[in-house]
Amino acid sequence: MTAAADASPLNSVALQPRVLQLPFPRAGSGPSQSRPIPREGLLLGRGEMVFDEAFADPTMSPRHAQVLLRGAQATV
């Protein structure tokens, strides 16, 4: 490995897993958002405030999915 490869920003920065909200192609869809996944994990569900606005989809259950961290991996 060369000295230049050792100086790579990825070698000195700890990456933190994130959850993304991507816009759907429909009216009123906002911009993409990204949030770090807390160490204790997070709950995705109707009424949960993960991004700027709570999930309001009536077809989404209140406890839709749980995201947990196991080391550097996120599991749904």
PDB file of N, CA and C in Angstrom:
ATOM      1  N   MET A   1       0.847  -1.176   0.000  1.00  0.00           N
ATOM      2  CA  MET A   1       0.000   0.000   0.000  1.00  0.00           C
ATOM      3  C   MET A   1       0.889   1.234   0.000  1.00  0.00           C
ATOM      4  N   THR A   2       0.532   2.235  -0.779  1.00  0.00           N
ATOM      5  CA  THR A   2       1.331   3.446  -0.877  1.00  0.00           C
ATOM      6  C   THR A   2       0.915   4.446   0.193  1.00  0.00           C
ATOM      7  N   ALA A   3       1.755   5.430   0.426  1.00  0.00           N
ATOM      8  CA  ALA A   3       1.452   6.483   1.400  1.00  0.00           C
ATOM      9  C   ALA A   3       0.216   7.259   0.973  1.00  0.00           C
ATOM     10  N   ALA A   4       0.043   7.441  -0.340  1.00  0.00           N
ATOM     11  CA  ALA A   4      -1.128   8.167  -0.832  1.00  0.00           C
ATOM     12  C   ALA A   4      -2.413   7.407  -0.487  1.00  0.00           C
ATOM     13  N   ALA A   5      -2.388   6.095  -0.583  1.00  0.00           N
ATOM     14  CA  ALA A   5      -3.573   5.302  -0.252  1.00  0.00           C
ATOM     15  C   ALA A   5      -3.873   5.388   1.243  1.00  0.00           C
ATOM     16  N   ASP A   6      -2.819   5.449   2.079  1.00  0.00           N
ATOM     17  CA  ASP A   6      -3.021   5.557   3.521  1.00  0.00           C
ATOM     18  C   ASP A   6      -3.657   6.888   3.902  1.00  0.00           C
ATOM     19  N   ALA A   7      -3.455   7.921   3.090  1.00  0.00           N
ATOM     20  CA  ALA A   7      -3.968   9.251   3.405  1.00  0.00           C
ATOM     21  C   ALA A   7      -5.408   9.440   2.928  1.00  0.00           C
ATOM     22  N   SER A   8      -5.994   8.413   2.370  1.00  0.00           N
ATOM     23  CA  SER A   8      -7.372   8.494   1.879  1.00  0.00           C
ATOM     24  C   SER A   8      -8.318   8.917   2.993  1.00  0.00           C
ATOM     25  N   PRO A   9      -9.272   9.816   2.707  1.00  0.00           N
ATOM     26  CA  PRO A   9     -10.217  10.250   3.741  1.00  0.00           C
ATOM     27  C   PRO A   9     -11.006   9.096   4.351  1.00  0.00           C
ATOM     28  N   LEU A  10     -11.279   8.040   3.587  1.00  0.00           N
ATOM     29  CA  LEU A  10     -12.046   6.918   4.122  1.00  0.00           C
ATOM     30  C   LEU A  10     -11.268   6.132   5.164  1.00  0.00           C
ATOM     31  N   ASN A  11      -9.936   6.218   5.140  1.00  0.00           N
ATOM     32  CA  ASN A  11      -9.134   5.506   6.125  1.00  0.00           C
ATOM     33  C   ASN A  11      -9.168   6.184   7.485  1.00  0.00           C
ATOM     34  N   SER A  12      -9.512   7.461   7.545  1.00  0.00           N
ATOM     35  CA  SER A  12      -9.480   8.184   8.809  1.00  0.00           C
ATOM     36  C   SER A  12     -10.861   8.594   9.308  1.00  0.00           C
ATOM     37  N   VAL A  13     -11.911   8.303   8.560  1.00  0.00           N
ATOM     38  CA  VAL A  13     -13.259   8.714   8.936  1.00  0.00           C
ATOM     39  C   VAL A  13     -14.098   7.479   9.243  1.00  0.00           C
ATOM     40  N   ALA A  14     -14.724   7.481  10.409  1.00  0.00           N
ATOM     41  CA  ALA A  14     -15.638   6.386  10.741  1.00  0.00           C
ATOM     42  C   ALA A  14     -16.969   6.659  10.055  1.00  0.00           C
ATOM     43  N   LEU A  15     -17.414   5.735   9.236  1.00  0.00           N
ATOM     44  CA  LEU A  15     -18.679   5.899   8.540  1.00  0.00           C
ATOM     45  C   LEU A  15     -19.816   5.499   9.472  1.00  0.00           C
ATOM     46  N   GLN A  16     -20.882   6.277   9.464  1.00  0.00           N
ATOM     47  CA  GLN A  16     -22.035   5.991  10.311  1.00  0.00           C
ATOM     48  C   GLN A  16     -23.206   5.581   9.430  1.00  0.00           C
ATOM     49  N   PRO A  17     -23.823   4.433   9.721  1.00  0.00           N
ATOM     50  CA  PRO A  17     -24.979   4.010   8.930  1.00  0.00           C
ATOM     51  C   PRO A  17     -26.097   5.046   8.999  1.00  0.00           C
ATOM     52  N   ARG A  18     -26.788   5.229   7.880  1.00  0.00           N
ATOM     53  CA  ARG A  18     -27.849   6.225   7.792  1.00  0.00           C
ATOM     54  C   ARG A  18     -29.085   5.611   7.160  1.00  0.00           C
ATOM     55  N   VAL A  19     -30.234   6.192   7.449  1.00  0.00           N
ATOM     56  CA  VAL A  19     -31.486   5.806   6.825  1.00  0.00           C
ATOM     57  C   VAL A  19     -31.866   6.930   5.866  1.00  0.00           C
ATOM     58  N   LEU A  20     -32.359   6.562   4.690  1.00  0.00           N
ATOM     59  CA  LEU A  20     -32.701   7.542   3.659  1.00  0.00           C
ATOM     60  C   LEU A  20     -34.199   7.558   3.405  1.00  0.00           C
ATOM     61  N   GLN A  21     -34.711   8.740   3.144  1.00  0.00           N
ATOM     62  CA  GLN A  21     -36.084   8.882   2.663  1.00  0.00           C
ATOM     63  C   GLN A  21     -35.977   9.492   1.274  1.00  0.00           C
ATOM     64  N   LEU A  22     -36.417   8.741   0.278  1.00  0.00           N
ATOM     65  CA  LEU A  22     -36.351   9.202  -1.107  1.00  0.00           C
ATOM     66  C   LEU A  22     -37.730   9.642  -1.557  1.00  0.00           C
ATOM     67  N   PRO A  23     -37.794  10.690  -2.365  1.00  0.00           N
ATOM     68  CA  PRO A  23     -39.103  11.170  -2.824  1.00  0.00           C
ATOM     69  C   PRO A  23     -39.736  10.189  -3.810  1.00  0.00           C
ATOM     70  N   PHE A  24     -41.032  10.081  -3.721  1.00  0.00           N
ATOM     71  CA  PHE A  24     -41.789   9.282  -4.684  1.00  0.00           C
ATOM     72  C   PHE A  24     -42.302  10.217  -5.766  1.00  0.00           C
ATOM     73  N   PRO A  25     -42.459   9.729  -6.987  1.00  0.00           N
ATOM     74  CA  PRO A  25     -42.928  10.594  -8.076  1.00  0.00           C
ATOM     75  C   PRO A  25     -44.426  10.889  -7.962  1.00  0.00           C
ATOM     76  N   ARG A  26     -44.789  11.709  -6.996  1.00  0.00           N
ATOM     77  CA  ARG A  26     -46.191  12.110  -6.837  1.00  0.00           C
ATOM     78  C   ARG A  26     -46.221  13.555  -6.358  1.00  0.00           C
ATOM     79  N   ALA A  27     -47.352  14.180  -6.493  1.00  0.00           N
ATOM     80  CA  ALA A  27     -47.484  15.581  -6.082  1.00  0.00           C
ATOM     81  C   ALA A  27     -47.234  15.713  -4.585  1.00  0.00           C
ATOM     82  N   GLY A  28     -46.531  16.765  -4.192  1.00  0.00           N
ATOM     83  CA  GLY A  28     -46.284  17.040  -2.786  1.00  0.00           C
ATOM     84  C   GLY A  28     -45.107  16.281  -2.199  1.00  0.00           C
ATOM     85  N   SER A  29     -44.394  15.546  -3.004  1.00  0.00           N
ATOM     86  CA  SER A  29     -43.245  14.783  -2.543  1.00  0.00           C
ATOM     87  C   SER A  29     -42.085  15.736  -2.267  1.00  0.00           C
ATOM     88  N   GLY A  30     -41.497  15.646  -1.087  1.00  0.00           N
ATOM     89  CA  GLY A  30     -40.402  16.538  -0.718  1.00  0.00           C
ATOM     90  C   GLY A  30     -39.055  16.035  -1.194  1.00  0.00           C
ATOM     91  N   PRO A  31     -37.980  16.715  -0.800  1.00  0.00           N
ATOM     92  CA  PRO A  31     -36.635  16.310  -1.203  1.00  0.00           C
ATOM     93  C   PRO A  31     -36.175  15.067  -0.434  1.00  0.00           C
ATOM     94  N   SER A  32     -35.104  14.457  -0.903  1.00  0.00           N
ATOM     95  CA  SER A  32     -34.495  13.333  -0.190  1.00  0.00           C
ATOM     96  C   SER A  32     -34.000  13.810   1.163  1.00  0.00           C
ATOM     97  N   GLN A  33     -34.041  12.914   2.148  1.00  0.00           N
ATOM     98  CA  GLN A  33     -33.515  13.225   3.471  1.00  0.00           C
ATOM     99  C   GLN A  33     -32.688  12.048   3.962  1.00  0.00           C
ATOM    100  N   SER A  34     -31.715  12.331   4.807  1.00  0.00           N
ATOM    101  CA  SER A  34     -30.832  11.312   5.354  1.00  0.00           C
ATOM    102  C   SER A  34     -30.651  11.591   6.841  1.00  0.00           C
ATOM    103  N   ARG A  35     -30.733  10.546   7.651  1.00  0.00           N
ATOM    104  CA  ARG A  35     -30.548  10.666   9.098  1.00  0.00           C
ATOM    105  C   ARG A  35     -29.647   9.536   9.578  1.00  0.00           C
ATOM    106  N   PRO A  36     -28.778   9.823  10.553  1.00  0.00           N
ATOM    107  CA  PRO A  36     -27.986   8.730  11.127  1.00  0.00           C
ATOM    108  C   PRO A  36     -28.890   7.772  11.893  1.00  0.00           C
ATOM    109  N   ILE A  37     -28.526   6.522  11.914  1.00  0.00           N
ATOM    110  CA  ILE A  37     -29.268   5.526  12.686  1.00  0.00           C
ATOM    111  C   ILE A  37     -28.683   5.540  14.099  1.00  0.00           C
ATOM    112  N   PRO A  38     -29.499   5.857  15.105  1.00  0.00           N
ATOM    113  CA  PRO A  38     -28.980   5.880  16.473  1.00  0.00           C
ATOM    114  C   PRO A  38     -28.515   4.492  16.918  1.00  0.00           C
ATOM    115  N   ARG A  39     -27.630   4.457  17.864  1.00  0.00           N
ATOM    116  CA  ARG A  39     -27.087   3.202  18.375  1.00  0.00           C
ATOM    117  C   ARG A  39     -28.185   2.243  18.850  1.00  0.00           C
ATOM    118  N   GLU A  40     -29.253   2.817  19.434  1.00  0.00           N
ATOM    119  CA  GLU A  40     -30.354   1.985  19.933  1.00  0.00           C
ATOM    120  C   GLU A  40     -31.329   1.587  18.833  1.00  0.00           C
ATOM    121  N   GLY A  41     -31.082   2.036  17.597  1.00  0.00           N
ATOM    122  CA  GLY A  41     -31.945   1.717  16.474  1.00  0.00           C
ATOM    123  C   GLY A  41     -33.089   2.708  16.358  1.00  0.00           C
ATOM    124  N   LEU A  42     -34.003   2.450  15.445  1.00  0.00           N
ATOM    125  CA  LEU A  42     -35.156   3.332  15.295  1.00  0.00           C
ATOM    126  C   LEU A  42     -36.333   2.555  14.748  1.00  0.00           C
ATOM    127  N   LEU A  43     -37.507   3.108  14.980  1.00  0.00           N
ATOM    128  CA  LEU A  43     -38.751   2.494  14.540  1.00  0.00           C
ATOM    129  C   LEU A  43     -39.295   3.287  13.360  1.00  0.00           C
ATOM    130  N   LEU A  44     -39.646   2.583  12.303  1.00  0.00           N
ATOM    131  CA  LEU A  44     -40.316   3.185  11.158  1.00  0.00           C
ATOM    132  C   LEU A  44     -41.774   2.787  11.246  1.00  0.00           C
ATOM    133  N   GLY A  45     -42.659   3.766  11.285  1.00  0.00           N
ATOM    134  CA  GLY A  45     -44.074   3.458  11.378  1.00  0.00           C
ATOM    135  C   GLY A  45     -44.913   4.712  11.262  1.00  0.00           C
ATOM    136  N   ARG A  46     -46.191   4.517  11.005  1.00  0.00           N
ATOM    137  CA  ARG A  46     -47.116   5.648  10.870  1.00  0.00           C
ATOM    138  C   ARG A  46     -47.081   6.471  12.156  1.00  0.00           C
ATOM    139  N   GLY A  47     -46.877   7.776  12.001  1.00  0.00           N
ATOM    140  CA  GLY A  47     -46.829   8.684  13.135  1.00  0.00           C
ATOM    141  C   GLY A  47     -45.431   8.877  13.717  1.00  0.00           C
ATOM    142  N   GLU A  48     -44.458   8.046  13.321  1.00  0.00           N
ATOM    143  CA  GLU A  48     -43.090   8.187  13.839  1.00  0.00           C
ATOM    144  C   GLU A  48     -42.389   9.370  13.181  1.00  0.00           C
ATOM    145  N   MET A  49     -41.640  10.122  13.968  1.00  0.00           N
ATOM    146  CA  MET A  49     -40.947  11.321  13.501  1.00  0.00           C
ATOM    147  C   MET A  49     -39.469  11.000  13.267  1.00  0.00           C
ATOM    148  N   VAL A  50     -39.168  10.389  12.138  1.00  0.00           N
ATOM    149  CA  VAL A  50     -37.787  10.048  11.783  1.00  0.00           C
ATOM    150  C   VAL A  50     -37.180  11.162  10.946  1.00  0.00           C
ATOM    151  N   PHE A  51     -37.991  11.733  10.057  1.00  0.00           N
ATOM    152  CA  PHE A  51     -37.542  12.810   9.181  1.00  0.00           C
ATOM    153  C   PHE A  51     -38.265  14.099   9.564  1.00  0.00           C
ATOM    154  N   ASP A  52     -38.267  15.098   8.697  1.00  0.00           N
ATOM    155  CA  ASP A  52     -38.865  16.390   9.031  1.00  0.00           C
ATOM    156  C   ASP A  52     -40.352  16.307   9.332  1.00  0.00           C
ATOM    157  N   GLU A  53     -41.041  15.358   8.734  1.00  0.00           N
ATOM    158  CA  GLU A  53     -42.470  15.167   8.981  1.00  0.00           C
ATOM    159  C   GLU A  53     -42.721  13.712   9.361  1.00  0.00           C
ATOM    160  N   ALA A  54     -43.687  13.505  10.240  1.00  0.00           N
ATOM    161  CA  ALA A  54     -44.029  12.137  10.647  1.00  0.00           C
ATOM    162  C   ALA A  54     -44.607  11.378   9.452  1.00  0.00           C
ATOM    163  N   PHE A  55     -44.404  10.069   9.448  1.00  0.00           N
ATOM    164  CA  PHE A  55     -45.003   9.234   8.413  1.00  0.00           C
ATOM    165  C   PHE A  55     -46.525   9.299   8.567  1.00  0.00           C
ATOM    166  N   ALA A  56     -47.225   9.624   7.484  1.00  0.00           N
ATOM    167  CA  ALA A  56     -48.677   9.794   7.552  1.00  0.00           C
ATOM    168  C   ALA A  56     -49.427   8.872   6.593  1.00  0.00           C
ATOM    169  N   ASP A  57     -48.753   7.909   6.023  1.00  0.00           N
ATOM    170  CA  ASP A  57     -49.386   6.990   5.070  1.00  0.00           C
ATOM    171  C   ASP A  57     -50.362   6.081   5.817  1.00  0.00           C
ATOM    172  N   PRO A  58     -51.659   6.138   5.497  1.00  0.00           N
ATOM    173  CA  PRO A  58     -52.633   5.308   6.215  1.00  0.00           C
ATOM    174  C   PRO A  58     -52.434   3.806   5.982  1.00  0.00           C
ATOM    175  N   THR A  59     -51.687   3.429   4.944  1.00  0.00           N
ATOM    176  CA  THR A  59     -51.443   2.008   4.701  1.00  0.00           C
ATOM    177  C   THR A  59     -50.221   1.496   5.476  1.00  0.00           C
ATOM    178  N   MET A  60     -49.495   2.384   6.121  1.00  0.00           N
ATOM    179  CA  MET A  60     -48.321   2.007   6.908  1.00  0.00           C
ATOM    180  C   MET A  60     -48.768   1.670   8.330  1.00  0.00           C
ATOM    181  N   SER A  61     -48.299   0.572   8.858  1.00  0.00           N
ATOM    182  CA  SER A  61     -48.686   0.209  10.221  1.00  0.00           C
ATOM    183  C   SER A  61     -47.936   1.082  11.231  1.00  0.00           C
ATOM    184  N   PRO A  62     -48.450   1.230  12.448  1.00  0.00           N
ATOM    185  CA  PRO A  62     -47.766   2.036  13.459  1.00  0.00           C
ATOM    186  C   PRO A  62     -46.371   1.499  13.794  1.00  0.00           C
ATOM    187  N   ARG A  63     -46.175   0.198  13.700  1.00  0.00           N
ATOM    188  CA  ARG A  63     -44.853  -0.412  13.915  1.00  0.00           C
ATOM    189  C   ARG A  63     -44.481  -1.165  12.635  1.00  0.00           C
ATOM    190  N   HIS A  64     -44.140  -0.409  11.600  1.00  0.00           N
ATOM    191  CA  HIS A  64     -43.920  -0.959  10.267  1.00  0.00           C
ATOM    192  C   HIS A  64     -42.620  -1.766  10.191  1.00  0.00           C
ATOM    193  N   ALA A  65     -41.526  -1.192  10.673  1.00  0.00           N
ATOM    194  CA  ALA A  65     -40.226  -1.871  10.635  1.00  0.00           C
ATOM    195  C   ALA A  65     -39.318  -1.271  11.700  1.00  0.00           C
ATOM    196  N   GLN A  66     -38.410  -2.083  12.196  1.00  0.00           N
ATOM    197  CA  GLN A  66     -37.429  -1.603  13.161  1.00  0.00           C
ATOM    198  C   GLN A  66     -36.053  -1.753  12.526  1.00  0.00           C
ATOM    199  N   VAL A  67     -35.241  -0.711  12.632  1.00  0.00           N
ATOM    200  CA  VAL A  67     -33.882  -0.732  12.095  1.00  0.00           C
ATOM    201  C   VAL A  67     -32.938  -0.830  13.286  1.00  0.00           C
ATOM    202  N   LEU A  68     -32.112  -1.871  13.307  1.00  0.00           N
ATOM    203  CA  LEU A  68     -31.162  -2.090  14.391  1.00  0.00           C
ATOM    204  C   LEU A  68     -29.745  -2.083  13.847  1.00  0.00           C
ATOM    205  N   LEU A  69     -28.808  -1.646  14.669  1.00  0.00           N
ATOM    206  CA  LEU A  69     -27.392  -1.686  14.302  1.00  0.00           C
ATOM    207  C   LEU A  69     -26.748  -2.891  14.968  1.00  0.00           C
ATOM    208  N   ARG A  70     -26.023  -3.621  14.182  1.00  0.00           N
ATOM    209  CA  ARG A  70     -25.213  -4.742  14.694  1.00  0.00           C
ATOM    210  C   ARG A  70     -23.811  -4.510  14.162  1.00  0.00           C
ATOM    211  N   GLY A  71     -22.985  -3.899  14.991  1.00  0.00           N
ATOM    212  CA  GLY A  71     -21.660  -3.494  14.533  1.00  0.00           C
ATOM    213  C   GLY A  71     -21.817  -2.381  13.517  1.00  0.00           C
ATOM    214  N   ALA A  72     -21.240  -2.568  12.341  1.00  0.00           N
ATOM    215  CA  ALA A  72     -21.347  -1.549  11.287  1.00  0.00           C
ATOM    216  C   ALA A  72     -22.491  -1.834  10.329  1.00  0.00           C
ATOM    217  N   GLN A  73     -23.298  -2.867  10.604  1.00  0.00           N
ATOM    218  CA  GLN A  73     -24.389  -3.224   9.702  1.00  0.00           C
ATOM    219  C   GLN A  73     -25.735  -2.814  10.278  1.00  0.00           C
ATOM    220  N   ALA A  74     -26.574  -2.315   9.399  1.00  0.00           N
ATOM    221  CA  ALA A  74     -27.959  -1.998   9.762  1.00  0.00           C
ATOM    222  C   ALA A  74     -28.833  -3.156   9.301  1.00  0.00           C
ATOM    223  N   THR A  75     -29.733  -3.585  10.179  1.00  0.00           N
ATOM    224  CA  THR A  75     -30.634  -4.683   9.878  1.00  0.00           C
ATOM    225  C   THR A  75     -32.055  -4.202  10.031  1.00  0.00           C
ATOM    226  N   VAL A  76     -32.948  -4.560   9.090  1.00  0.00           N
ATOM    227  CA  VAL A  76     -34.362  -4.172   9.171  1.00  0.00           C
ATOM    228  C   VAL A  76     -35.156  -5.379   9.602  1.00  0.00           C
TER     229      VAL A  76
END
